[in-house]
């Protein structure tokens, strides 16, 4: 099944898509994480909505929101070709770190920064090298702790597109302290137009992942393409690692990390700064993934920076 979340006068409303792509409201005001917390509740309400069809909205008449407000976002690194390009920004001779093959590392991103698929995205203060990142995120559907990879499959409810907007100059500056990324990733994480249940992708299963074409364009020019199949770590492995000595819970996002060619920083590392200018106000960034829909965000000017300084220096 495919679901979208639309804005209404009474607040956000979750809807299931019918065979023609129309949005059929679920008979509840509950959001996706709450419904996923009860096994079978989401599909039961979706079946009921499709039978009764009390409120049906054409996609063009809906203002779509992010499909969910996740309680946590873990963003991983799973595409080796992306890593091989990104490390060249700091060392042109660098290769893929051996740790890439040892653990599916991640950082926690900011759930308050979740942005809708068609919302404007502001450039953060002090940023002159603004960037996009084309990813797919798994949505946790069942709570679990200390899961094996085999057990983790039952804890993944579905998938969304994730575009992790990044202030590259801010990110690389703060990471010199061996922490982060933090503020470099803090402004906007755009989620795609649809939440698609895991069973919908099974016909496209390819090894431990899926054969889904991923594409990103700026102002109508395609700048990167890849397949989700090229992940080196499966989503089940990400869920298992995320659950070590802690809980994953319904609605948590597990990002795939950027695909090959899925961001400007990787291409700057491979080809130099002349590949493409950083994002500027007025640019339109579009990401698409087979079956999962799209994001389409206009970049706008952000707020001015308020200066801060330490209260003492050595």
C-alpha atoms as a PDB file:
ATOM      1  CA  UNK A   1       0.000   0.000   0.000  1.00  0.00           C
ATOM      2  CA  UNK A   2       0.982   3.618  -0.538  1.00  0.00           C
ATOM      3  CA  UNK A   3       0.125   6.411   1.894  1.00  0.00           C
ATOM      4  CA  UNK A   4       0.372  10.196   1.876  1.00  0.00           C
ATOM      5  CA  UNK A   5      -0.270  12.842   4.514  1.00  0.00           C
ATOM      6  CA  UNK A   6      -2.135  15.977   3.554  1.00  0.00           C
ATOM      7  CA  UNK A   7      -2.878  19.286   5.204  1.00  0.00           C
ATOM      8  CA  UNK A   8      -6.485  19.978   6.200  1.00  0.00           C
ATOM      9  CA  UNK A   9      -8.219  22.705   8.179  1.00  0.00           C
ATOM     10  CA  UNK A  10      -8.432  20.277  11.090  1.00  0.00           C
ATOM     11  CA  UNK A  11      -4.758  19.301  10.927  1.00  0.00           C
ATOM     12  CA  UNK A  12      -2.681  16.684   9.111  1.00  0.00           C
ATOM     13  CA  UNK A  13      -4.593  13.694   7.748  1.00  0.00           C
ATOM     14  CA  UNK A  14      -3.201  10.355   6.613  1.00  0.00           C
ATOM     15  CA  UNK A  15      -4.622   8.915   3.401  1.00  0.00           C
ATOM     16  CA  UNK A  16      -4.193   5.723   1.419  1.00  0.00           C
ATOM     17  CA  UNK A  17      -3.779   5.939  -2.360  1.00  0.00           C
ATOM     18  CA  UNK A  18      -6.272   4.035  -4.490  1.00  0.00           C
ATOM     19  CA  UNK A  19      -5.409   2.364  -7.791  1.00  0.00           C
ATOM     20  CA  UNK A  20      -5.910   5.654  -9.660  1.00  0.00           C
ATOM     21  CA  UNK A  21      -3.657   7.597  -7.291  1.00  0.00           C
ATOM     22  CA  UNK A  22      -6.402   9.475  -5.462  1.00  0.00           C
ATOM     23  CA  UNK A  23      -5.998  10.093  -1.720  1.00  0.00           C
ATOM     24  CA  UNK A  24      -8.623   8.365   0.424  1.00  0.00           C
ATOM     25  CA  UNK A  25      -8.576   9.608   4.023  1.00  0.00           C
ATOM     26  CA  UNK A  26      -8.237   7.038   6.766  1.00  0.00           C
ATOM     27  CA  UNK A  27     -11.049   7.070   9.358  1.00  0.00           C
ATOM     28  CA  UNK A  28      -8.724   8.333  12.095  1.00  0.00           C
ATOM     29  CA  UNK A  29      -6.743  11.416  13.033  1.00  0.00           C
ATOM     30  CA  UNK A  30      -3.816   9.284  14.242  1.00  0.00           C
ATOM     31  CA  UNK A  31      -0.471   9.683  12.484  1.00  0.00           C
ATOM     32  CA  UNK A  32       1.697   6.997  10.980  1.00  0.00           C
ATOM     33  CA  UNK A  33       3.972   6.159  13.957  1.00  0.00           C
ATOM     34  CA  UNK A  34       0.954   5.698  16.226  1.00  0.00           C
ATOM     35  CA  UNK A  35      -0.758   3.382  13.724  1.00  0.00           C
ATOM     36  CA  UNK A  36       2.395   1.372  13.077  1.00  0.00           C
ATOM     37  CA  UNK A  37       2.698   0.698  16.810  1.00  0.00           C
ATOM     38  CA  UNK A  38      -0.312  -1.646  16.578  1.00  0.00           C
ATOM     39  CA  UNK A  39       0.298  -4.573  14.222  1.00  0.00           C
ATOM     40  CA  UNK A  40      -2.200  -4.584  11.370  1.00  0.00           C
ATOM     41  CA  UNK A  41      -3.935  -1.350  12.413  1.00  0.00           C
ATOM     42  CA  UNK A  42      -2.706   0.672   9.423  1.00  0.00           C
ATOM     43  CA  UNK A  43      -3.779  -1.835   6.788  1.00  0.00           C
ATOM     44  CA  UNK A  44      -7.114  -2.473   8.512  1.00  0.00           C
ATOM     45  CA  UNK A  45      -7.968   1.239   8.430  1.00  0.00           C
ATOM     46  CA  UNK A  46      -6.731   1.536   4.859  1.00  0.00           C
ATOM     47  CA  UNK A  47      -8.968  -1.319   3.730  1.00  0.00           C
ATOM     48  CA  UNK A  48     -11.902   0.315   5.516  1.00  0.00           C
ATOM     49  CA  UNK A  49     -11.178   3.664   3.870  1.00  0.00           C
ATOM     50  CA  UNK A  50     -11.009   2.121   0.398  1.00  0.00           C
ATOM     51  CA  UNK A  51     -14.348   0.398   0.951  1.00  0.00           C
ATOM     52  CA  UNK A  52     -16.241   3.426   2.259  1.00  0.00           C
ATOM     53  CA  UNK A  53     -14.385   6.216   0.360  1.00  0.00           C
ATOM     54  CA  UNK A  54     -15.848   8.931   2.595  1.00  0.00           C
ATOM     55  CA  UNK A  55     -13.261  11.590   1.724  1.00  0.00           C
ATOM     56  CA  UNK A  56     -11.397  11.362  -1.583  1.00  0.00           C
ATOM     57  CA  UNK A  57      -8.947  14.043  -2.748  1.00  0.00           C
ATOM     58  CA  UNK A  58      -7.175  14.239  -6.087  1.00  0.00           C
ATOM     59  CA  UNK A  59      -3.405  14.627  -5.720  1.00  0.00           C
ATOM     60  CA  UNK A  60      -3.372  17.990  -7.501  1.00  0.00           C
ATOM     61  CA  UNK A  61      -5.856  19.359  -4.966  1.00  0.00           C
ATOM     62  CA  UNK A  62      -3.885  18.261  -1.909  1.00  0.00           C
ATOM     63  CA  UNK A  63      -1.071  19.998  -0.051  1.00  0.00           C
ATOM     64  CA  UNK A  64       1.135  17.070   0.797  1.00  0.00           C
ATOM     65  CA  UNK A  65       3.152  17.019   4.007  1.00  0.00           C
ATOM     66  CA  UNK A  66       5.968  14.728   5.047  1.00  0.00           C
ATOM     67  CA  UNK A  67       4.316  11.280   5.392  1.00  0.00           C
ATOM     68  CA  UNK A  68       5.303  11.141   9.050  1.00  0.00           C
ATOM     69  CA  UNK A  69       6.986  13.050  11.840  1.00  0.00           C
ATOM     70  CA  UNK A  70       9.675  10.574  12.957  1.00  0.00           C
ATOM     71  CA  UNK A  71      10.671  10.479  16.617  1.00  0.00           C
ATOM     72  CA  UNK A  72      14.307   9.765  15.652  1.00  0.00           C
ATOM     73  CA  UNK A  73      16.394   9.829  12.479  1.00  0.00           C
ATOM     74  CA  UNK A  74      19.526   7.714  12.113  1.00  0.00           C
ATOM     75  CA  UNK A  75      21.345   8.399   8.853  1.00  0.00           C
ATOM     76  CA  UNK A  76      23.808   5.719   7.761  1.00  0.00           C
ATOM     77  CA  UNK A  77      26.523   5.382   5.117  1.00  0.00           C
ATOM     78  CA  UNK A  78      25.956   2.353   2.885  1.00  0.00           C
ATOM     79  CA  UNK A  79      27.055   3.284  -0.655  1.00  0.00           C
ATOM     80  CA  UNK A  80      30.819   2.677  -1.066  1.00  0.00           C
ATOM     81  CA  UNK A  81      31.115   4.678  -4.281  1.00  0.00           C
ATOM     82  CA  UNK A  82      29.668   7.728  -2.542  1.00  0.00           C
ATOM     83  CA  UNK A  83      32.145   7.359   0.312  1.00  0.00           C
ATOM     84  CA  UNK A  84      35.027   7.004  -2.136  1.00  0.00           C
ATOM     85  CA  UNK A  85      34.132  10.370  -3.640  1.00  0.00           C
ATOM     86  CA  UNK A  86      33.303  12.302  -0.490  1.00  0.00           C
ATOM     87  CA  UNK A  87      36.601  11.538   1.282  1.00  0.00           C
ATOM     88  CA  UNK A  88      38.513  13.191  -1.550  1.00  0.00           C
ATOM     89  CA  UNK A  89      37.274  16.591  -0.383  1.00  0.00           C
ATOM     90  CA  UNK A  90      39.828  16.442   2.444  1.00  0.00           C
ATOM     91  CA  UNK A  91      42.421  14.104   0.902  1.00  0.00           C
ATOM     92  CA  UNK A  92      42.565  13.632  -2.889  1.00  0.00           C
ATOM     93  CA  UNK A  93      44.482  10.366  -2.410  1.00  0.00           C
ATOM     94  CA  UNK A  94      42.086   8.891   0.169  1.00  0.00           C
ATOM     95  CA  UNK A  95      40.156   5.686  -0.371  1.00  0.00           C
ATOM     96  CA  UNK A  96      37.232   4.048   1.367  1.00  0.00           C
ATOM     97  CA  UNK A  97      38.108   3.753   5.081  1.00  0.00           C
ATOM     98  CA  UNK A  98      38.339   0.119   6.231  1.00  0.00           C
ATOM     99  CA  UNK A  99      35.783   0.903   8.948  1.00  0.00           C
ATOM    100  CA  UNK A 100      33.139   1.292   6.214  1.00  0.00           C
ATOM    101  CA  UNK A 101      33.155  -2.504   5.804  1.00  0.00           C
ATOM    102  CA  UNK A 102      33.184  -3.189   9.551  1.00  0.00           C
ATOM    103  CA  UNK A 103      30.135  -1.278  10.825  1.00  0.00           C
ATOM    104  CA  UNK A 104      27.194   0.533   9.200  1.00  0.00           C
ATOM    105  CA  UNK A 105      27.990   3.808  10.942  1.00  0.00           C
ATOM    106  CA  UNK A 106      25.386   6.534  11.365  1.00  0.00           C
ATOM    107  CA  UNK A 107      24.740   9.904  12.941  1.00  0.00           C
ATOM    108  CA  UNK A 108      21.556  11.144  14.573  1.00  0.00           C
ATOM    109  CA  UNK A 109      19.820  13.825  12.564  1.00  0.00           C
ATOM    110  CA  UNK A 110      17.263  16.356  13.752  1.00  0.00           C
ATOM    111  CA  UNK A 111      13.589  15.267  13.663  1.00  0.00           C
ATOM    112  CA  UNK A 112      12.565  18.917  14.129  1.00  0.00           C
ATOM    113  CA  UNK A 113      14.128  19.636  10.729  1.00  0.00           C
ATOM    114  CA  UNK A 114      11.773  17.318   8.822  1.00  0.00           C
ATOM    115  CA  UNK A 115      10.459  19.136   5.765  1.00  0.00           C
ATOM    116  CA  UNK A 116       7.622  18.282   3.421  1.00  0.00           C
ATOM    117  CA  UNK A 117       8.154  17.026  -0.114  1.00  0.00           C
ATOM    118  CA  UNK A 118       7.147  20.341  -1.675  1.00  0.00           C
ATOM    119  CA  UNK A 119       8.217  22.849   0.979  1.00  0.00           C
ATOM    120  CA  UNK A 120      10.738  25.647   0.504  1.00  0.00           C
ATOM    121  CA  UNK A 121      14.161  24.983   2.035  1.00  0.00           C
ATOM    122  CA  UNK A 122      16.145  27.918   3.487  1.00  0.00           C
ATOM    123  CA  UNK A 123      19.915  28.160   3.299  1.00  0.00           C
ATOM    124  CA  UNK A 124      21.233  28.027   6.884  1.00  0.00           C
ATOM    125  CA  UNK A 125      23.236  30.900   8.426  1.00  0.00           C
ATOM    126  CA  UNK A 126      26.943  31.076   7.584  1.00  0.00           C
ATOM    127  CA  UNK A 127      26.498  28.537   4.760  1.00  0.00           C
ATOM    128  CA  UNK A 128      28.001  29.155   1.341  1.00  0.00           C
ATOM    129  CA  UNK A 129      28.173  25.532   0.192  1.00  0.00           C
ATOM    130  CA  UNK A 130      24.625  24.224   0.465  1.00  0.00           C
ATOM    131  CA  UNK A 131      23.997  20.711  -0.855  1.00  0.00           C
ATOM    132  CA  UNK A 132      21.358  17.990  -1.280  1.00  0.00           C
ATOM    133  CA  UNK A 133      21.670  14.253  -0.540  1.00  0.00           C
ATOM    134  CA  UNK A 134      19.561  11.658  -2.342  1.00  0.00           C
ATOM    135  CA  UNK A 135      18.658   8.746  -0.052  1.00  0.00           C
ATOM    136  CA  UNK A 136      15.955   6.240   0.870  1.00  0.00           C
ATOM    137  CA  UNK A 137      14.908   5.664   4.483  1.00  0.00           C
ATOM    138  CA  UNK A 138      13.340   2.609   6.059  1.00  0.00           C
ATOM    139  CA  UNK A 139      10.531   3.310   8.531  1.00  0.00           C
ATOM    140  CA  UNK A 140      10.510   1.159  11.650  1.00  0.00           C
ATOM    141  CA  UNK A 141       7.132  -0.430  12.251  1.00  0.00           C
ATOM    142  CA  UNK A 142       7.706  -2.543  15.344  1.00  0.00           C
ATOM    143  CA  UNK A 143       9.720  -1.877  18.474  1.00  0.00           C
ATOM    144  CA  UNK A 144      12.787  -4.017  19.037  1.00  0.00           C
ATOM    145  CA  UNK A 145      16.073  -4.232  20.871  1.00  0.00           C
ATOM    146  CA  UNK A 146      19.270  -6.212  20.213  1.00  0.00           C
ATOM    147  CA  UNK A 147      17.843  -7.611  16.979  1.00  0.00           C
ATOM    148  CA  UNK A 148      19.630  -9.985  14.658  1.00  0.00           C
ATOM    149  CA  UNK A 149      19.659  -9.169  10.954  1.00  0.00           C
ATOM    150  CA  UNK A 150      17.146 -11.972  10.386  1.00  0.00           C
ATOM    151  CA  UNK A 151      14.826 -10.669  13.109  1.00  0.00           C
ATOM    152  CA  UNK A 152      15.089  -7.077  11.905  1.00  0.00           C
ATOM    153  CA  UNK A 153      13.194  -7.732   8.673  1.00  0.00           C
ATOM    154  CA  UNK A 154       9.910  -7.982  10.591  1.00  0.00           C
ATOM    155  CA  UNK A 155      10.562  -4.565  12.148  1.00  0.00           C
ATOM    156  CA  UNK A 156      10.701  -2.606   8.863  1.00  0.00           C
ATOM    157  CA  UNK A 157       7.266  -1.334   7.855  1.00  0.00           C
ATOM    158  CA  UNK A 158       8.092   0.539   4.668  1.00  0.00           C
ATOM    159  CA  UNK A 159      10.129   3.215   2.949  1.00  0.00           C
ATOM    160  CA  UNK A 160      10.258   6.923   2.092  1.00  0.00           C
ATOM    161  CA  UNK A 161      12.573   9.142   0.045  1.00  0.00           C
ATOM    162  CA  UNK A 162      14.953  11.173   2.192  1.00  0.00           C
ATOM    163  CA  UNK A 163      16.787  14.290   0.976  1.00  0.00           C
ATOM    164  CA  UNK A 164      19.291  15.260   3.656  1.00  0.00           C
ATOM    165  CA  UNK A 165      20.102  18.913   2.919  1.00  0.00           C
ATOM    166  CA  UNK A 166      23.626  19.724   4.093  1.00  0.00           C
ATOM    167  CA  UNK A 167      25.622  22.863   4.836  1.00  0.00           C
ATOM    168  CA  UNK A 168      28.964  21.469   3.687  1.00  0.00           C
ATOM    169  CA  UNK A 169      31.239  24.283   4.855  1.00  0.00           C
ATOM    170  CA  UNK A 170      29.587  24.269   8.288  1.00  0.00           C
ATOM    171  CA  UNK A 171      29.755  20.451   8.412  1.00  0.00           C
ATOM    172  CA  UNK A 172      33.440  20.143   7.528  1.00  0.00           C
ATOM    173  CA  UNK A 173      34.326  22.974   9.928  1.00  0.00           C
ATOM    174  CA  UNK A 174      32.614  21.395  12.937  1.00  0.00           C
ATOM    175  CA  UNK A 175      33.900  17.902  12.172  1.00  0.00           C
ATOM    176  CA  UNK A 176      37.469  19.086  12.713  1.00  0.00           C
ATOM    177  CA  UNK A 177      36.603  18.663  16.403  1.00  0.00           C
ATOM    178  CA  UNK A 178      35.978  14.942  15.729  1.00  0.00           C
ATOM    179  CA  UNK A 179      32.293  15.368  16.453  1.00  0.00           C
ATOM    180  CA  UNK A 180      29.259  15.673  14.256  1.00  0.00           C
ATOM    181  CA  UNK A 181      27.953  16.255  11.761  1.00  0.00           C
ATOM    182  CA  UNK A 182      25.579  18.460  13.726  1.00  0.00           C
ATOM    183  CA  UNK A 183      24.630  21.984  12.569  1.00  0.00           C
ATOM    184  CA  UNK A 184      25.797  21.038   9.085  1.00  0.00           C
ATOM    185  CA  UNK A 185      22.733  18.769   8.875  1.00  0.00           C
ATOM    186  CA  UNK A 186      20.319  20.733  11.037  1.00  0.00           C
ATOM    187  CA  UNK A 187      18.230  22.838   8.647  1.00  0.00           C
ATOM    188  CA  UNK A 188      16.091  20.542   6.484  1.00  0.00           C
ATOM    189  CA  UNK A 189      15.537  16.846   5.926  1.00  0.00           C
ATOM    190  CA  UNK A 190      12.927  16.551   3.198  1.00  0.00           C
ATOM    191  CA  UNK A 191      10.821  13.399   3.141  1.00  0.00           C
ATOM    192  CA  UNK A 192       9.194  12.136  -0.029  1.00  0.00           C
ATOM    193  CA  UNK A 193       5.580  12.380  -1.051  1.00  0.00           C
ATOM    194  CA  UNK A 194       4.753   8.749  -0.160  1.00  0.00           C
ATOM    195  CA  UNK A 195       5.197   6.126   2.516  1.00  0.00           C
ATOM    196  CA  UNK A 196       5.232   2.771   0.736  1.00  0.00           C
ATOM    197  CA  UNK A 197       4.826  -0.467   2.654  1.00  0.00           C
ATOM    198  CA  UNK A 198       7.620  -3.010   2.383  1.00  0.00           C
ATOM    199  CA  UNK A 199       5.495  -5.612   0.588  1.00  0.00           C
ATOM    200  CA  UNK A 200       4.986  -3.182  -2.323  1.00  0.00           C
ATOM    201  CA  UNK A 201       8.721  -3.327  -3.057  1.00  0.00           C
ATOM    202  CA  UNK A 202       9.096  -7.118  -2.970  1.00  0.00           C
ATOM    203  CA  UNK A 203       8.695  -7.503  -6.757  1.00  0.00           C
ATOM    204  CA  UNK A 204      11.773  -5.263  -7.070  1.00  0.00           C
ATOM    205  CA  UNK A 205      13.825  -7.183  -4.502  1.00  0.00           C
ATOM    206  CA  UNK A 206      17.446  -7.433  -5.629  1.00  0.00           C
ATOM    207  CA  UNK A 207      19.716  -9.322  -3.247  1.00  0.00           C
ATOM    208  CA  UNK A 208      19.455  -7.693   0.177  1.00  0.00           C
ATOM    209  CA  UNK A 209      18.032  -4.453  -1.263  1.00  0.00           C
ATOM    210  CA  UNK A 210      15.790  -3.329  -4.152  1.00  0.00           C
ATOM    211  CA  UNK A 211      16.295  -2.455  -7.800  1.00  0.00           C
ATOM    212  CA  UNK A 212      14.868   1.065  -7.599  1.00  0.00           C
ATOM    213  CA  UNK A 213      16.211   3.837  -9.809  1.00  0.00           C
ATOM    214  CA  UNK A 214      17.213   6.963  -7.886  1.00  0.00           C
ATOM    215  CA  UNK A 215      17.648  10.358  -9.577  1.00  0.00           C
ATOM    216  CA  UNK A 216      18.339  13.950  -8.518  1.00  0.00           C
ATOM    217  CA  UNK A 217      18.124  17.086 -10.641  1.00  0.00           C
ATOM    218  CA  UNK A 218      18.673  20.800 -10.091  1.00  0.00           C
ATOM    219  CA  UNK A 219      16.692  23.222 -12.255  1.00  0.00           C
ATOM    220  CA  UNK A 220      15.739  20.381 -14.574  1.00  0.00           C
ATOM    221  CA  UNK A 221      19.288  19.091 -15.139  1.00  0.00           C
ATOM    222  CA  UNK A 222      19.937  15.553 -13.899  1.00  0.00           C
ATOM    223  CA  UNK A 223      23.110  15.590 -11.781  1.00  0.00           C
ATOM    224  CA  UNK A 224      23.081  12.090 -10.288  1.00  0.00           C
ATOM    225  CA  UNK A 225      21.574   8.632 -10.814  1.00  0.00           C
ATOM    226  CA  UNK A 226      22.023   5.291  -9.080  1.00  0.00           C
ATOM    227  CA  UNK A 227      20.137   2.180  -7.962  1.00  0.00           C
ATOM    228  CA  UNK A 228      19.193   1.344  -4.397  1.00  0.00           C
ATOM    229  CA  UNK A 229      20.522  -2.126  -5.210  1.00  0.00           C
ATOM    230  CA  UNK A 230      24.062  -0.756  -4.837  1.00  0.00           C
ATOM    231  CA  UNK A 231      23.874  -0.475  -1.038  1.00  0.00           C
ATOM    232  CA  UNK A 232      26.642  -2.467   0.642  1.00  0.00           C
ATOM    233  CA  UNK A 233      24.636  -2.813   3.879  1.00  0.00           C
ATOM    234  CA  UNK A 234      20.998  -3.961   3.866  1.00  0.00           C
ATOM    235  CA  UNK A 235      18.209  -2.125   5.671  1.00  0.00           C
ATOM    236  CA  UNK A 236      17.884  -5.188   7.918  1.00  0.00           C
ATOM    237  CA  UNK A 237      21.542  -4.768   8.890  1.00  0.00           C
ATOM    238  CA  UNK A 238      20.918  -1.086   9.627  1.00  0.00           C
ATOM    239  CA  UNK A 239      17.983  -1.938  11.882  1.00  0.00           C
ATOM    240  CA  UNK A 240      19.987  -4.620  13.668  1.00  0.00           C
ATOM    241  CA  UNK A 241      22.915  -2.273  14.278  1.00  0.00           C
ATOM    242  CA  UNK A 242      20.650   0.592  15.369  1.00  0.00           C
ATOM    243  CA  UNK A 243      19.002  -1.700  17.929  1.00  0.00           C
ATOM    244  CA  UNK A 244      22.225  -2.790  19.653  1.00  0.00           C
ATOM    245  CA  UNK A 245      21.851  -2.117  23.399  1.00  0.00           C
ATOM    246  CA  UNK A 246      18.912   0.220  22.765  1.00  0.00           C
ATOM    247  CA  UNK A 247      15.437   0.397  21.261  1.00  0.00           C
ATOM    248  CA  UNK A 248      14.163   1.217  17.827  1.00  0.00           C
ATOM    249  CA  UNK A 249      10.504   2.195  17.853  1.00  0.00           C
ATOM    250  CA  UNK A 250       7.654   2.746  15.377  1.00  0.00           C
ATOM    251  CA  UNK A 251       8.250   5.728  13.127  1.00  0.00           C
ATOM    252  CA  UNK A 252      12.035   5.814  13.558  1.00  0.00           C
ATOM    253  CA  UNK A 253      13.843   6.495  10.274  1.00  0.00           C
ATOM    254  CA  UNK A 254      16.918   4.571   9.129  1.00  0.00           C
ATOM    255  CA  UNK A 255      18.487   6.451   6.218  1.00  0.00           C
ATOM    256  CA  UNK A 256      20.461   4.615   3.546  1.00  0.00           C
ATOM    257  CA  UNK A 257      22.984   7.394   3.223  1.00  0.00           C
ATOM    258  CA  UNK A 258      23.672   9.108  -0.072  1.00  0.00           C
ATOM    259  CA  UNK A 259      23.777   7.036  -3.239  1.00  0.00           C
ATOM    260  CA  UNK A 260      26.572   7.305  -5.789  1.00  0.00           C
ATOM    261  CA  UNK A 261      26.369  10.704  -7.467  1.00  0.00           C
ATOM    262  CA  UNK A 262      23.642  11.725  -5.038  1.00  0.00           C
ATOM    263  CA  UNK A 263      25.200  14.955  -3.732  1.00  0.00           C
ATOM    264  CA  UNK A 264      27.384  17.807  -4.894  1.00  0.00           C
ATOM    265  CA  UNK A 265      30.103  17.219  -2.282  1.00  0.00           C
ATOM    266  CA  UNK A 266      30.835  13.776  -3.708  1.00  0.00           C
ATOM    267  CA  UNK A 267      31.093  15.227  -7.194  1.00  0.00           C
ATOM    268  CA  UNK A 268      33.298  18.081  -5.956  1.00  0.00           C
ATOM    269  CA  UNK A 269      35.595  15.430  -4.485  1.00  0.00           C
ATOM    270  CA  UNK A 270      35.692  13.561  -7.791  1.00  0.00           C
ATOM    271  CA  UNK A 271      35.698  16.412 -10.303  1.00  0.00           C
ATOM    272  CA  UNK A 272      36.464  19.633  -8.409  1.00  0.00           C
ATOM    273  CA  UNK A 273      34.315  22.615  -7.519  1.00  0.00           C
ATOM    274  CA  UNK A 274      33.608  23.312 -11.180  1.00  0.00           C
ATOM    275  CA  UNK A 275      31.226  20.354 -11.393  1.00  0.00           C
ATOM    276  CA  UNK A 276      28.298  22.493 -10.182  1.00  0.00           C
ATOM    277  CA  UNK A 277      27.830  25.539  -7.978  1.00  0.00           C
ATOM    278  CA  UNK A 278      26.427  25.093  -4.454  1.00  0.00           C
ATOM    279  CA  UNK A 279      22.673  25.497  -4.145  1.00  0.00           C
ATOM    280  CA  UNK A 280      21.434  29.085  -4.376  1.00  0.00           C
ATOM    281  CA  UNK A 281      18.112  30.813  -3.684  1.00  0.00           C
ATOM    282  CA  UNK A 282      15.767  30.088  -6.584  1.00  0.00           C
ATOM    283  CA  UNK A 283      17.171  26.639  -7.360  1.00  0.00           C
ATOM    284  CA  UNK A 284      14.683  23.766  -7.554  1.00  0.00           C
ATOM    285  CA  UNK A 285      15.926  20.371  -6.335  1.00  0.00           C
ATOM    286  CA  UNK A 286      13.949  17.291  -7.400  1.00  0.00           C
ATOM    287  CA  UNK A 287      14.606  13.758  -6.190  1.00  0.00           C
ATOM    288  CA  UNK A 288      12.747  10.727  -7.525  1.00  0.00           C
ATOM    289  CA  UNK A 289      12.878   7.045  -6.643  1.00  0.00           C
ATOM    290  CA  UNK A 290      10.882   4.370  -8.438  1.00  0.00           C
ATOM    291  CA  UNK A 291       7.587   3.631  -6.643  1.00  0.00           C
ATOM    292  CA  UNK A 292       8.444   5.952  -3.712  1.00  0.00           C
ATOM    293  CA  UNK A 293       7.472   9.240  -5.392  1.00  0.00           C
ATOM    294  CA  UNK A 294       9.466  12.463  -5.208  1.00  0.00           C
ATOM    295  CA  UNK A 295      10.609  15.553  -3.369  1.00  0.00           C
ATOM    296  CA  UNK A 296      10.542  18.932  -5.118  1.00  0.00           C
ATOM    297  CA  UNK A 297      11.957  21.780  -3.029  1.00  0.00           C
ATOM    298  CA  UNK A 298      12.741  25.383  -3.882  1.00  0.00           C
ATOM    299  CA  UNK A 299      15.823  26.819  -2.205  1.00  0.00           C
ATOM    300  CA  UNK A 300      15.244  30.187  -0.534  1.00  0.00           C
ATOM    301  CA  UNK A 301      17.373  32.681   1.405  1.00  0.00           C
ATOM    302  CA  UNK A 302      17.705  31.870   5.077  1.00  0.00           C
ATOM    303  CA  UNK A 303      17.933  34.047   8.181  1.00  0.00           C
ATOM    304  CA  UNK A 304      21.030  36.084   9.039  1.00  0.00           C
ATOM    305  CA  UNK A 305      23.521  34.610  11.468  1.00  0.00           C
ATOM    306  CA  UNK A 306      23.677  35.862  15.047  1.00  0.00           C
ATOM    307  CA  UNK A 307      27.290  35.980  16.121  1.00  0.00           C
ATOM    308  CA  UNK A 308      28.384  33.883  19.087  1.00  0.00           C
ATOM    309  CA  UNK A 309      31.766  33.699  20.794  1.00  0.00           C
ATOM    310  CA  UNK A 310      33.363  31.959  23.794  1.00  0.00           C
ATOM    311  CA  UNK A 311      33.270  33.876  27.078  1.00  0.00           C
ATOM    312  CA  UNK A 312      36.981  33.289  27.564  1.00  0.00           C
ATOM    313  CA  UNK A 313      40.023  32.287  25.562  1.00  0.00           C
ATOM    314  CA  UNK A 314      43.451  30.992  26.707  1.00  0.00           C
END
